[in-house]
Amino acid sequence: MESDRQRRLNSILKLMEGRRVLVIGDVMLDEYVWGNVRRISPEAPVMVVEVERDSYTPGGAANVAKNVQALGGKALLVGVIGNDEAGHTLADSLSEMGVETSGLVVDSSRPTTRKTRIIAHSQQVVRVDRESRRKPSNSATKHLISMVEDSVGSVDIVVFSDYDKGMAGRPIVQAISQAAASHRKRVVVNPKPRNVKQFKSMSVISLNQSEAEAATGIPIKDEKSLHRAARRLMNTTQPEALLITRGPHGMNLYASNGSVETIPAHLVEVYDVAGAGDTVVSTLAVALAAGASFEEAAVLANCAGGAVVRKVGVATVSRDEISSMLTCSS
């Protein structure tokens, strides 16, 4: 029998439909080269991979946008791509998924971030990265800021997905903060540790445990050290809420009023954690846009994270899958 809490959470899932989310951050293309190995190269002691097919999927902030779409939301993506084949492939792929790509700014001074994974017999052999960590050019930055300022008023919530590829520069982050404050929109941020201080006074900061350790310099070994790291992060960033995800140990949600919520992990067989952070932050944001409290949004994000790690590769989850996780945990 469905409890009042389950009914409330399921009603939030239904309200996610059509919520507009402005996703800003470091977009990338994940490329997979699939093949077989039958011999060693005569040129060097390395395997020769005979390529059978290629596949592509949006990565980084683009994967957050993809997750928003899978949850029934409507994503508007703002980021920078290069004037190259990878950029065109990424934009086309996102458009096919229904993501609004008018905010993708072409910067000819840098390549589209592209991670190529070469896989033989279902095993990753090597990964090749093509990227630049430089900030976007001045002209691209101005265009990005203009896109942010023009878009914030038309969405329900803002997400910044930081992969430390240049988008977390002060001008862009300040523009987001000012535009969001002007339009009274919440901003959910998933920052890399070295950029945490840039995102002061945002609505929600979401980090995994290793990121929290790197950002604070505090090894998290128990509840005491976890709370100490959280206090340091709260003092540094001053958000309304801080979410620290801890894998098999669940999540801890810290609010600016001093309250702490511990959300237990779902006991599931983990196949792949790739992209799980993107699923968590996108679910958190769409749930908040649908009227959830921070604690309700974190519970739904926890369910989404538990569902997505059961899948192989960078994947998304649906609202039905999240609802089924609620049923399993009741």
C-alpha atoms as a PDB file:
ATOM      1  CA  MET A   1       0.000   0.000   0.000  1.00  0.00           C
ATOM      2  CA  GLU A   2       1.366   3.408  -1.011  1.00  0.00           C
ATOM      3  CA  SER A   3       2.289   5.644   1.944  1.00  0.00           C
ATOM      4  CA  ASP A   4       1.609   9.386   2.129  1.00  0.00           C
ATOM      5  CA  ARG A   5       5.331   9.986   1.543  1.00  0.00           C
ATOM      6  CA  GLN A   6       5.352   7.788  -1.544  1.00  0.00           C
ATOM      7  CA  ARG A   7       2.280   9.556  -2.894  1.00  0.00           C
ATOM      8  CA  ARG A   8       3.954  12.915  -2.363  1.00  0.00           C
ATOM      9  CA  LEU A   9       7.177  11.824  -4.100  1.00  0.00           C
ATOM     10  CA  ASN A  10       5.275  10.250  -6.993  1.00  0.00           C
ATOM     11  CA  SER A  11       3.264  13.455  -7.412  1.00  0.00           C
ATOM     12  CA  ILE A  12       6.563  15.350  -7.688  1.00  0.00           C
ATOM     13  CA  LEU A  13       7.715  12.897 -10.369  1.00  0.00           C
ATOM     14  CA  LYS A  14       4.569  13.655 -12.365  1.00  0.00           C
ATOM     15  CA  LEU A  15       5.140  17.405 -11.967  1.00  0.00           C
ATOM     16  CA  MET A  16       8.610  17.075 -13.516  1.00  0.00           C
ATOM     17  CA  GLU A  17       6.994  16.851 -16.943  1.00  0.00           C
ATOM     18  CA  GLY A  18       7.793  19.948 -19.002  1.00  0.00           C
ATOM     19  CA  ARG A  19       9.958  21.701 -16.404  1.00  0.00           C
ATOM     20  CA  ARG A  20      12.447  23.933 -18.177  1.00  0.00           C
ATOM     21  CA  VAL A  21      16.043  23.617 -17.039  1.00  0.00           C
ATOM     22  CA  LEU A  22      18.910  25.843 -18.138  1.00  0.00           C
ATOM     23  CA  VAL A  23      21.997  23.622 -18.145  1.00  0.00           C
ATOM     24  CA  ILE A  24      25.312  25.489 -18.291  1.00  0.00           C
ATOM     25  CA  GLY A  25      28.790  24.006 -18.219  1.00  0.00           C
ATOM     26  CA  ASP A  26      31.477  21.986 -19.914  1.00  0.00           C
ATOM     27  CA  VAL A  27      29.930  19.990 -22.748  1.00  0.00           C
ATOM     28  CA  MET A  28      31.721  17.073 -24.340  1.00  0.00           C
ATOM     29  CA  LEU A  29      31.290  14.212 -26.762  1.00  0.00           C
ATOM     30  CA  ASP A  30      31.848  10.649 -25.536  1.00  0.00           C
ATOM     31  CA  GLU A  31      32.977   8.487 -28.438  1.00  0.00           C
ATOM     32  CA  TYR A  32      33.195   4.699 -28.331  1.00  0.00           C
ATOM     33  CA  VAL A  33      35.231   2.695 -30.840  1.00  0.00           C
ATOM     34  CA  TRP A  34      34.209  -0.960 -30.729  1.00  0.00           C
ATOM     35  CA  GLY A  35      36.330  -3.775 -32.119  1.00  0.00           C
ATOM     36  CA  ASN A  36      38.198  -7.041 -31.634  1.00  0.00           C
ATOM     37  CA  VAL A  37      41.799  -7.997 -30.996  1.00  0.00           C
ATOM     38  CA  ARG A  38      43.275 -10.943 -32.882  1.00  0.00           C
ATOM     39  CA  ARG A  39      46.973 -10.086 -33.069  1.00  0.00           C
ATOM     40  CA  ILE A  40      49.859  -8.045 -31.715  1.00  0.00           C
ATOM     41  CA  SER A  41      51.325  -5.274 -33.824  1.00  0.00           C
ATOM     42  CA  PRO A  42      54.651  -6.094 -35.560  1.00  0.00           C
ATOM     43  CA  GLU A  43      55.662  -2.447 -34.972  1.00  0.00           C
ATOM     44  CA  ALA A  44      55.448  -2.467 -31.169  1.00  0.00           C
ATOM     45  CA  PRO A  45      54.255  -4.813 -28.374  1.00  0.00           C
ATOM     46  CA  VAL A  46      50.683  -3.496 -28.491  1.00  0.00           C
ATOM     47  CA  MET A  47      47.335  -4.964 -29.470  1.00  0.00           C
ATOM     48  CA  VAL A  48      45.843  -4.246 -32.877  1.00  0.00           C
ATOM     49  CA  VAL A  49      42.154  -3.356 -32.517  1.00  0.00           C
ATOM     50  CA  GLU A  50      40.144  -4.162 -35.638  1.00  0.00           C
ATOM     51  CA  VAL A  51      37.354  -1.571 -35.550  1.00  0.00           C
ATOM     52  CA  GLU A  52      33.815  -2.800 -36.182  1.00  0.00           C
ATOM     53  CA  ARG A  53      31.704   0.257 -35.299  1.00  0.00           C
ATOM     54  CA  ASP A  54      31.644   3.656 -33.627  1.00  0.00           C
ATOM     55  CA  SER A  55      29.059   5.191 -31.316  1.00  0.00           C
ATOM     56  CA  TYR A  56      28.630   8.597 -29.719  1.00  0.00           C
ATOM     57  CA  THR A  57      26.787  10.018 -26.723  1.00  0.00           C
ATOM     58  CA  PRO A  58      26.668  13.464 -25.069  1.00  0.00           C
ATOM     59  CA  GLY A  59      28.979  13.823 -22.077  1.00  0.00           C
ATOM     60  CA  GLY A  60      29.646  16.291 -19.278  1.00  0.00           C
ATOM     61  CA  ALA A  61      27.060  19.070 -19.091  1.00  0.00           C
ATOM     62  CA  ALA A  62      25.539  17.670 -22.278  1.00  0.00           C
ATOM     63  CA  ASN A  63      24.837  14.434 -20.394  1.00  0.00           C
ATOM     64  CA  VAL A  64      23.058  16.459 -17.694  1.00  0.00           C
ATOM     65  CA  ALA A  65      20.850  17.939 -20.423  1.00  0.00           C
ATOM     66  CA  LYS A  66      20.241  14.426 -21.776  1.00  0.00           C
ATOM     67  CA  ASN A  67      19.205  13.294 -18.277  1.00  0.00           C
ATOM     68  CA  VAL A  68      16.823  16.245 -17.927  1.00  0.00           C
ATOM     69  CA  GLN A  69      15.107  15.184 -21.156  1.00  0.00           C
ATOM     70  CA  ALA A  70      14.863  11.563 -19.952  1.00  0.00           C
ATOM     71  CA  LEU A  71      13.073  12.803 -16.818  1.00  0.00           C
ATOM     72  CA  GLY A  72      10.448  14.581 -18.889  1.00  0.00           C
ATOM     73  CA  GLY A  73      11.992  18.006 -18.532  1.00  0.00           C
ATOM     74  CA  LYS A  74      13.017  20.431 -21.256  1.00  0.00           C
ATOM     75  CA  ALA A  75      16.713  21.271 -21.325  1.00  0.00           C
ATOM     76  CA  LEU A  76      18.262  24.413 -22.761  1.00  0.00           C
ATOM     77  CA  LEU A  77      22.019  23.888 -22.980  1.00  0.00           C
ATOM     78  CA  VAL A  78      24.631  26.653 -22.834  1.00  0.00           C
ATOM     79  CA  GLY A  79      28.250  25.700 -23.445  1.00  0.00           C
ATOM     80  CA  VAL A  80      31.143  25.971 -25.860  1.00  0.00           C
ATOM     81  CA  ILE A  81      32.092  23.669 -28.735  1.00  0.00           C
ATOM     82  CA  GLY A  82      34.795  23.841 -31.364  1.00  0.00           C
ATOM     83  CA  ASN A  83      34.314  24.383 -35.069  1.00  0.00           C
ATOM     84  CA  ASP A  84      34.923  20.704 -35.744  1.00  0.00           C
ATOM     85  CA  GLU A  85      33.262  17.404 -36.573  1.00  0.00           C
ATOM     86  CA  ALA A  86      32.856  16.475 -32.888  1.00  0.00           C
ATOM     87  CA  GLY A  87      31.004  19.726 -32.211  1.00  0.00           C
ATOM     88  CA  HIS A  88      28.630  19.162 -35.121  1.00  0.00           C
ATOM     89  CA  THR A  89      28.046  15.536 -34.042  1.00  0.00           C
ATOM     90  CA  LEU A  90      27.324  16.611 -30.455  1.00  0.00           C
ATOM     91  CA  ALA A  91      24.905  19.361 -31.483  1.00  0.00           C
ATOM     92  CA  ASP A  92      23.052  17.056 -33.887  1.00  0.00           C
ATOM     93  CA  SER A  93      22.808  14.290 -31.280  1.00  0.00           C
ATOM     94  CA  LEU A  94      21.403  16.659 -28.650  1.00  0.00           C
ATOM     95  CA  SER A  95      18.889  18.143 -31.090  1.00  0.00           C
ATOM     96  CA  GLU A  96      17.607  14.664 -31.896  1.00  0.00           C
ATOM     97  CA  MET A  97      16.993  14.147 -28.157  1.00  0.00           C
ATOM     98  CA  GLY A  98      14.963  17.353 -27.968  1.00  0.00           C
ATOM     99  CA  VAL A  99      17.592  19.441 -26.187  1.00  0.00           C
ATOM    100  CA  GLU A 100      17.512  23.120 -27.131  1.00  0.00           C
ATOM    101  CA  THR A 101      21.004  23.786 -28.556  1.00  0.00           C
ATOM    102  CA  SER A 102      20.806  27.474 -29.498  1.00  0.00           C
ATOM    103  CA  GLY A 103      23.059  28.155 -26.492  1.00  0.00           C
ATOM    104  CA  LEU A 104      25.985  26.133 -27.878  1.00  0.00           C
ATOM    105  CA  VAL A 105      28.606  28.734 -28.790  1.00  0.00           C
ATOM    106  CA  VAL A 106      31.287  27.887 -31.356  1.00  0.00           C
ATOM    107  CA  ASP A 107      34.817  28.880 -30.311  1.00  0.00           C
ATOM    108  CA  SER A 108      37.262  28.228 -33.161  1.00  0.00           C
ATOM    109  CA  SER A 109      40.239  28.714 -30.827  1.00  0.00           C
ATOM    110  CA  ARG A 110      39.625  25.396 -29.072  1.00  0.00           C
ATOM    111  CA  PRO A 111      38.426  21.876 -29.922  1.00  0.00           C
ATOM    112  CA  THR A 112      35.191  20.304 -28.786  1.00  0.00           C
ATOM    113  CA  THR A 113      36.045  18.244 -25.699  1.00  0.00           C
ATOM    114  CA  ARG A 114      36.054  14.665 -26.945  1.00  0.00           C
ATOM    115  CA  LYS A 115      36.793  11.492 -25.011  1.00  0.00           C
ATOM    116  CA  THR A 116      37.384   8.445 -27.203  1.00  0.00           C
ATOM    117  CA  ARG A 117      37.215   5.052 -25.539  1.00  0.00           C
ATOM    118  CA  ILE A 118      38.583   2.122 -27.555  1.00  0.00           C
ATOM    119  CA  ILE A 119      36.856  -1.084 -26.515  1.00  0.00           C
ATOM    120  CA  ALA A 120      37.798  -4.614 -27.528  1.00  0.00           C
ATOM    121  CA  HIS A 121      35.863  -7.712 -26.404  1.00  0.00           C
ATOM    122  CA  SER A 122      33.805  -5.494 -24.026  1.00  0.00           C
ATOM    123  CA  GLN A 123      36.953  -4.239 -22.282  1.00  0.00           C
ATOM    124  CA  GLN A 124      38.245  -0.677 -22.492  1.00  0.00           C
ATOM    125  CA  VAL A 125      41.744  -0.793 -23.953  1.00  0.00           C
ATOM    126  CA  VAL A 126      42.654   2.895 -23.880  1.00  0.00           C
ATOM    127  CA  ARG A 127      41.029   6.327 -23.705  1.00  0.00           C
ATOM    128  CA  VAL A 128      42.111   9.233 -25.890  1.00  0.00           C
ATOM    129  CA  ASP A 129      41.169  12.785 -24.794  1.00  0.00           C
ATOM    130  CA  ARG A 130      41.046  15.806 -27.076  1.00  0.00           C
ATOM    131  CA  GLU A 131      40.392  18.912 -25.017  1.00  0.00           C
ATOM    132  CA  SER A 132      41.441  22.362 -23.895  1.00  0.00           C
ATOM    133  CA  ARG A 133      41.187  23.610 -20.315  1.00  0.00           C
ATOM    134  CA  ARG A 134      41.596  27.228 -21.373  1.00  0.00           C
ATOM    135  CA  LYS A 135      38.774  29.633 -20.747  1.00  0.00           C
ATOM    136  CA  PRO A 136      36.663  30.379 -23.845  1.00  0.00           C
ATOM    137  CA  SER A 137      37.832  33.292 -26.001  1.00  0.00           C
ATOM    138  CA  ASN A 138      36.657  36.799 -25.080  1.00  0.00           C
ATOM    139  CA  SER A 139      34.129  36.858 -27.917  1.00  0.00           C
ATOM    140  CA  ALA A 140      32.801  33.402 -26.995  1.00  0.00           C
ATOM    141  CA  THR A 141      32.573  34.421 -23.323  1.00  0.00           C
ATOM    142  CA  LYS A 142      30.524  37.506 -24.218  1.00  0.00           C
ATOM    143  CA  HIS A 143      28.208  35.356 -26.316  1.00  0.00           C
ATOM    144  CA  LEU A 144      27.843  32.794 -23.504  1.00  0.00           C
ATOM    145  CA  ILE A 145      27.017  35.511 -20.971  1.00  0.00           C
ATOM    146  CA  SER A 146      24.443  36.962 -23.350  1.00  0.00           C
ATOM    147  CA  MET A 147      22.843  33.521 -23.751  1.00  0.00           C
ATOM    148  CA  VAL A 148      22.668  33.115 -19.967  1.00  0.00           C
ATOM    149  CA  GLU A 149      21.144  36.551 -19.412  1.00  0.00           C
ATOM    150  CA  ASP A 150      18.586  36.011 -22.173  1.00  0.00           C
ATOM    151  CA  SER A 151      17.586  32.517 -21.000  1.00  0.00           C
ATOM    152  CA  VAL A 152      17.351  32.560 -17.198  1.00  0.00           C
ATOM    153  CA  GLY A 153      13.992  34.320 -17.129  1.00  0.00           C
ATOM    154  CA  SER A 154      12.323  31.636 -19.266  1.00  0.00           C
ATOM    155  CA  VAL A 155      13.349  28.562 -17.230  1.00  0.00           C
ATOM    156  CA  ASP A 156      12.321  27.023 -13.914  1.00  0.00           C
ATOM    157  CA  ILE A 157      15.803  26.321 -12.566  1.00  0.00           C
ATOM    158  CA  VAL A 158      19.501  26.557 -13.518  1.00  0.00           C
ATOM    159  CA  VAL A 159      22.185  23.853 -13.338  1.00  0.00           C
ATOM    160  CA  PHE A 160      25.931  24.397 -13.680  1.00  0.00           C
ATOM    161  CA  SER A 161      27.840  21.211 -14.527  1.00  0.00           C
ATOM    162  CA  ASP A 162      31.561  21.806 -14.029  1.00  0.00           C
ATOM    163  CA  TYR A 163      34.092  19.466 -15.604  1.00  0.00           C
ATOM    164  CA  ASP A 164      36.991  21.943 -15.280  1.00  0.00           C
ATOM    165  CA  LYS A 165      37.288  22.591 -19.018  1.00  0.00           C
ATOM    166  CA  GLY A 166      37.151  26.383 -18.810  1.00  0.00           C
ATOM    167  CA  MET A 167      33.486  27.292 -18.325  1.00  0.00           C
ATOM    168  CA  ALA A 168      33.814  27.987 -14.585  1.00  0.00           C
ATOM    169  CA  GLY A 169      35.592  31.310 -15.138  1.00  0.00           C
ATOM    170  CA  ARG A 170      34.571  34.268 -12.972  1.00  0.00           C
ATOM    171  CA  PRO A 171      32.763  36.313 -15.684  1.00  0.00           C
ATOM    172  CA  ILE A 172      30.411  33.461 -16.616  1.00  0.00           C
ATOM    173  CA  VAL A 173      29.762  32.394 -13.019  1.00  0.00           C
ATOM    174  CA  GLN A 174      29.060  35.985 -11.948  1.00  0.00           C
ATOM    175  CA  ALA A 175      26.651  36.417 -14.848  1.00  0.00           C
ATOM    176  CA  ILE A 176      24.782  33.281 -13.769  1.00  0.00           C
ATOM    177  CA  SER A 177      24.618  34.423 -10.154  1.00  0.00           C
ATOM    178  CA  GLN A 178      23.362  37.906 -11.036  1.00  0.00           C
ATOM    179  CA  ALA A 179      20.816  36.732 -13.617  1.00  0.00           C
ATOM    180  CA  ALA A 180      19.470  34.022 -11.306  1.00  0.00           C
ATOM    181  CA  ALA A 181      19.147  36.471  -8.404  1.00  0.00           C
ATOM    182  CA  SER A 182      17.411  39.011 -10.641  1.00  0.00           C
ATOM    183  CA  HIS A 183      14.845  36.432 -11.787  1.00  0.00           C
ATOM    184  CA  ARG A 184      14.668  34.593  -8.424  1.00  0.00           C
ATOM    185  CA  LYS A 185      15.773  31.285  -9.896  1.00  0.00           C
ATOM    186  CA  ARG A 186      17.587  28.565  -7.988  1.00  0.00           C
ATOM    187  CA  VAL A 187      20.994  27.396  -9.175  1.00  0.00           C
ATOM    188  CA  VAL A 188      22.209  23.827  -8.609  1.00  0.00           C
ATOM    189  CA  VAL A 189      25.970  23.389  -9.009  1.00  0.00           C
ATOM    190  CA  ASN A 190      28.097  20.270  -9.386  1.00  0.00           C
ATOM    191  CA  PRO A 191      31.597  21.830  -9.136  1.00  0.00           C
ATOM    192  CA  LYS A 192      35.073  20.421  -9.456  1.00  0.00           C
ATOM    193  CA  PRO A 193      37.054  20.852  -6.222  1.00  0.00           C
ATOM    194  CA  ARG A 194      39.446  23.514  -7.536  1.00  0.00           C
ATOM    195  CA  ASN A 195      36.495  25.689  -8.602  1.00  0.00           C
ATOM    196  CA  VAL A 196      34.295  25.344  -5.514  1.00  0.00           C
ATOM    197  CA  LYS A 197      35.031  28.858  -4.202  1.00  0.00           C
ATOM    198  CA  GLN A 198      33.767  30.354  -7.468  1.00  0.00           C
ATOM    199  CA  PHE A 199      30.226  29.208  -6.680  1.00  0.00           C
ATOM    200  CA  LYS A 200      29.469  31.187  -3.554  1.00  0.00           C
ATOM    201  CA  SER A 201      25.849  31.713  -2.420  1.00  0.00           C
ATOM    202  CA  MET A 202      24.291  29.386  -5.000  1.00  0.00           C
ATOM    203  CA  SER A 203      21.181  27.404  -4.044  1.00  0.00           C
ATOM    204  CA  VAL A 204      22.619  23.883  -3.941  1.00  0.00           C
ATOM    205  CA  ILE A 205      26.153  22.514  -4.124  1.00  0.00           C
ATOM    206  CA  SER A 206      26.440  18.790  -4.943  1.00  0.00           C
ATOM    207  CA  LEU A 207      29.727  16.897  -4.545  1.00  0.00           C
ATOM    208  CA  ASN A 208      30.715  13.282  -4.168  1.00  0.00           C
ATOM    209  CA  GLN A 209      32.825  12.246  -1.186  1.00  0.00           C
ATOM    210  CA  SER A 210      36.192  12.299  -2.967  1.00  0.00           C
ATOM    211  CA  GLU A 211      35.415  15.760  -4.357  1.00  0.00           C
ATOM    212  CA  ALA A 212      34.461  16.972  -0.869  1.00  0.00           C
ATOM    213  CA  GLU A 213      37.742  15.631   0.467  1.00  0.00           C
ATOM    214  CA  ALA A 214      39.744  17.357  -2.284  1.00  0.00           C
ATOM    215  CA  ALA A 215      37.872  20.639  -1.844  1.00  0.00           C
ATOM    216  CA  THR A 216      38.405  20.774   1.923  1.00  0.00           C
ATOM    217  CA  GLY A 217      41.635  18.828   2.472  1.00  0.00           C
ATOM    218  CA  ILE A 218      39.785  16.714   5.057  1.00  0.00           C
ATOM    219  CA  PRO A 219      39.936  12.905   4.635  1.00  0.00           C
ATOM    220  CA  ILE A 220      36.422  11.601   5.258  1.00  0.00           C
ATOM    221  CA  LYS A 221      36.721   8.429   7.322  1.00  0.00           C
ATOM    222  CA  ASP A 222      33.649   8.590   9.550  1.00  0.00           C
ATOM    223  CA  GLU A 223      30.601  10.716  10.395  1.00  0.00           C
ATOM    224  CA  LYS A 224      32.664  13.168  12.428  1.00  0.00           C
ATOM    225  CA  SER A 225      35.099  13.941   9.593  1.00  0.00           C
ATOM    226  CA  LEU A 226      32.188  14.055   7.113  1.00  0.00           C
ATOM    227  CA  HIS A 227      30.395  16.696   9.175  1.00  0.00           C
ATOM    228  CA  ARG A 228      33.643  18.663   9.581  1.00  0.00           C
ATOM    229  CA  ALA A 229      34.199  18.696   5.812  1.00  0.00           C
ATOM    230  CA  ALA A 230      30.570  19.708   5.272  1.00  0.00           C
ATOM    231  CA  ARG A 231      30.866  22.617   7.732  1.00  0.00           C
ATOM    232  CA  ARG A 232      33.960  23.844   5.910  1.00  0.00           C
ATOM    233  CA  LEU A 233      32.187  23.640   2.554  1.00  0.00           C
ATOM    234  CA  MET A 234      29.107  25.408   3.927  1.00  0.00           C
ATOM    235  CA  ASN A 235      31.295  28.201   5.288  1.00  0.00           C
ATOM    236  CA  THR A 236      33.201  28.483   2.011  1.00  0.00           C
ATOM    237  CA  THR A 237      30.281  28.410  -0.414  1.00  0.00           C
ATOM    238  CA  GLN A 238      27.302  29.500   1.743  1.00  0.00           C
ATOM    239  CA  PRO A 239      24.604  27.660  -0.229  1.00  0.00           C
ATOM    240  CA  GLU A 240      21.034  27.015   0.870  1.00  0.00           C
ATOM    241  CA  ALA A 241      21.875  23.302   0.839  1.00  0.00           C
ATOM    242  CA  LEU A 242      24.894  21.039   0.377  1.00  0.00           C
ATOM    243  CA  LEU A 243      24.570  17.462  -0.878  1.00  0.00           C
ATOM    244  CA  ILE A 244      27.467  15.042  -0.415  1.00  0.00           C
ATOM    245  CA  THR A 245      26.995  11.710  -2.191  1.00  0.00           C
ATOM    246  CA  ARG A 246      28.832   8.763  -0.664  1.00  0.00           C
ATOM    247  CA  GLY A 247      28.225   5.788  -2.949  1.00  0.00           C
ATOM    248  CA  PRO A 248      27.335   2.734  -0.837  1.00  0.00           C
ATOM    249  CA  HIS A 249      26.968   4.990   2.219  1.00  0.00           C
ATOM    250  CA  GLY A 250      24.143   7.003   0.674  1.00  0.00           C
ATOM    251  CA  MET A 251      23.905  10.794   0.788  1.00  0.00           C
ATOM    252  CA  ASN A 252      24.097  13.527   3.390  1.00  0.00           C
ATOM    253  CA  LEU A 253      22.104  16.720   2.961  1.00  0.00           C
ATOM    254  CA  TYR A 254      23.146  19.818   4.922  1.00  0.00           C
ATOM    255  CA  ALA A 255      20.892  22.879   5.055  1.00  0.00           C
ATOM    256  CA  SER A 256      21.834  26.467   5.884  1.00  0.00           C
ATOM    257  CA  ASN A 257      19.557  26.307   8.974  1.00  0.00           C
ATOM    258  CA  GLY A 258      21.861  23.649  10.436  1.00  0.00           C
ATOM    259  CA  SER A 259      19.716  20.575   9.762  1.00  0.00           C
ATOM    260  CA  VAL A 260      21.358  17.381   8.520  1.00  0.00           C
ATOM    261  CA  GLU A 261      19.594  14.535   6.699  1.00  0.00           C
ATOM    262  CA  THR A 262      21.185  11.137   6.064  1.00  0.00           C
ATOM    263  CA  ILE A 263      19.664   9.281   3.107  1.00  0.00           C
ATOM    264  CA  PRO A 264      20.625   5.587   2.993  1.00  0.00           C
ATOM    265  CA  ALA A 265      21.873   4.069  -0.249  1.00  0.00           C
ATOM    266  CA  HIS A 266      19.774   1.572  -2.188  1.00  0.00           C
ATOM    267  CA  LEU A 267      21.147  -1.953  -2.062  1.00  0.00           C
ATOM    268  CA  VAL A 268      21.617  -2.644  -5.756  1.00  0.00           C
ATOM    269  CA  GLU A 269      24.165  -4.509  -7.839  1.00  0.00           C
ATOM    270  CA  VAL A 270      26.493  -1.854  -9.234  1.00  0.00           C
ATOM    271  CA  TYR A 271      27.539  -2.362 -12.853  1.00  0.00           C
ATOM    272  CA  ASP A 272      28.846   1.097 -13.766  1.00  0.00           C
ATOM    273  CA  VAL A 273      29.075   4.426 -11.882  1.00  0.00           C
ATOM    274  CA  ALA A 274      29.982   6.421 -15.022  1.00  0.00           C
ATOM    275  CA  GLY A 275      27.698   9.436 -15.338  1.00  0.00           C
ATOM    276  CA  ALA A 276      25.907   8.741 -12.037  1.00  0.00           C
ATOM    277  CA  GLY A 277      26.764  12.224 -10.755  1.00  0.00           C
ATOM    278  CA  ASP A 278      25.083  13.773 -13.802  1.00  0.00           C
ATOM    279  CA  THR A 279      21.944  11.726 -13.120  1.00  0.00           C
ATOM    280  CA  VAL A 280      21.890  12.799  -9.472  1.00  0.00           C
ATOM    281  CA  VAL A 281      22.288  16.524 -10.168  1.00  0.00           C
ATOM    282  CA  SER A 282      19.757  16.535 -13.003  1.00  0.00           C
ATOM    283  CA  THR A 283      17.150  14.719 -10.889  1.00  0.00           C
ATOM    284  CA  LEU A 284      17.821  17.050  -7.964  1.00  0.00           C
ATOM    285  CA  ALA A 285      17.274  20.093 -10.190  1.00  0.00           C
ATOM    286  CA  VAL A 286      14.143  18.887 -12.003  1.00  0.00           C
ATOM    287  CA  ALA A 287      12.598  17.787  -8.695  1.00  0.00           C
ATOM    288  CA  LEU A 288      13.248  21.202  -7.134  1.00  0.00           C
ATOM    289  CA  ALA A 289      11.736  22.826 -10.223  1.00  0.00           C
ATOM    290  CA  ALA A 290       8.663  20.633  -9.676  1.00  0.00           C
ATOM    291  CA  GLY A 291       8.182  21.959  -6.145  1.00  0.00           C
ATOM    292  CA  ALA A 292      10.107  19.422  -4.062  1.00  0.00           C
ATOM    293  CA  SER A 293      11.790  20.381  -0.800  1.00  0.00           C
ATOM    294  CA  PHE A 294      15.565  19.899  -0.652  1.00  0.00           C
ATOM    295  CA  GLU A 295      15.074  16.651   1.282  1.00  0.00           C
ATOM    296  CA  GLU A 296      12.444  15.325  -1.160  1.00  0.00           C
ATOM    297  CA  ALA A 297      14.623  16.226  -4.136  1.00  0.00           C
ATOM    298  CA  ALA A 298      17.602  14.458  -2.540  1.00  0.00           C
ATOM    299  CA  VAL A 299      15.538  11.297  -1.910  1.00  0.00           C
ATOM    300  CA  LEU A 300      14.471  11.220  -5.573  1.00  0.00           C
ATOM    301  CA  ALA A 301      18.055  11.898  -6.703  1.00  0.00           C
ATOM    302  CA  ASN A 302      19.215   9.030  -4.487  1.00  0.00           C
ATOM    303  CA  CYS A 303      16.697   6.715  -6.184  1.00  0.00           C
ATOM    304  CA  ALA A 304      17.853   7.897  -9.611  1.00  0.00           C
ATOM    305  CA  GLY A 305      21.482   7.271  -8.689  1.00  0.00           C
ATOM    306  CA  GLY A 306      20.634   3.777  -7.467  1.00  0.00           C
ATOM    307  CA  ALA A 307      18.801   3.028 -10.695  1.00  0.00           C
ATOM    308  CA  VAL A 308      21.474   4.329 -13.063  1.00  0.00           C
ATOM    309  CA  VAL A 309      24.444   2.440 -11.555  1.00  0.00           C
ATOM    310  CA  ARG A 310      22.664  -0.820 -12.420  1.00  0.00           C
ATOM    311  CA  LYS A 311      23.168   0.004 -16.096  1.00  0.00           C
ATOM    312  CA  VAL A 312      26.331  -0.420 -18.148  1.00  0.00           C
ATOM    313  CA  GLY A 313      27.889   2.754 -19.560  1.00  0.00           C
ATOM    314  CA  VAL A 314      26.793   6.366 -19.284  1.00  0.00           C
ATOM    315  CA  ALA A 315      23.010   6.021 -19.016  1.00  0.00           C
ATOM    316  CA  THR A 316      19.848   7.858 -18.007  1.00  0.00           C
ATOM    317  CA  VAL A 317      16.807   6.894 -15.942  1.00  0.00           C
ATOM    318  CA  SER A 318      13.094   7.531 -16.363  1.00  0.00           C
ATOM    319  CA  ARG A 319      10.563   8.722 -13.821  1.00  0.00           C
ATOM    320  CA  ASP A 320       9.023   5.234 -13.846  1.00  0.00           C
ATOM    321  CA  GLU A 321      12.368   3.731 -12.847  1.00  0.00           C
ATOM    322  CA  ILE A 322      12.698   6.224  -9.999  1.00  0.00           C
ATOM    323  CA  SER A 323       9.151   5.421  -8.883  1.00  0.00           C
ATOM    324  CA  SER A 324       9.981   1.707  -8.839  1.00  0.00           C
ATOM    325  CA  MET A 325      12.981   2.446  -6.604  1.00  0.00           C
ATOM    326  CA  LEU A 326      10.628   4.240  -4.201  1.00  0.00           C
ATOM    327  CA  THR A 327       8.434   1.151  -4.082  1.00  0.00           C
ATOM    328  CA  CYS A 328      11.438  -1.101  -3.406  1.00  0.00           C
ATOM    329  CA  SER A 329      12.611   1.115  -0.537  1.00  0.00           C
ATOM    330  CA  SER A 330       9.228   1.378   1.183  1.00  0.00           C
END
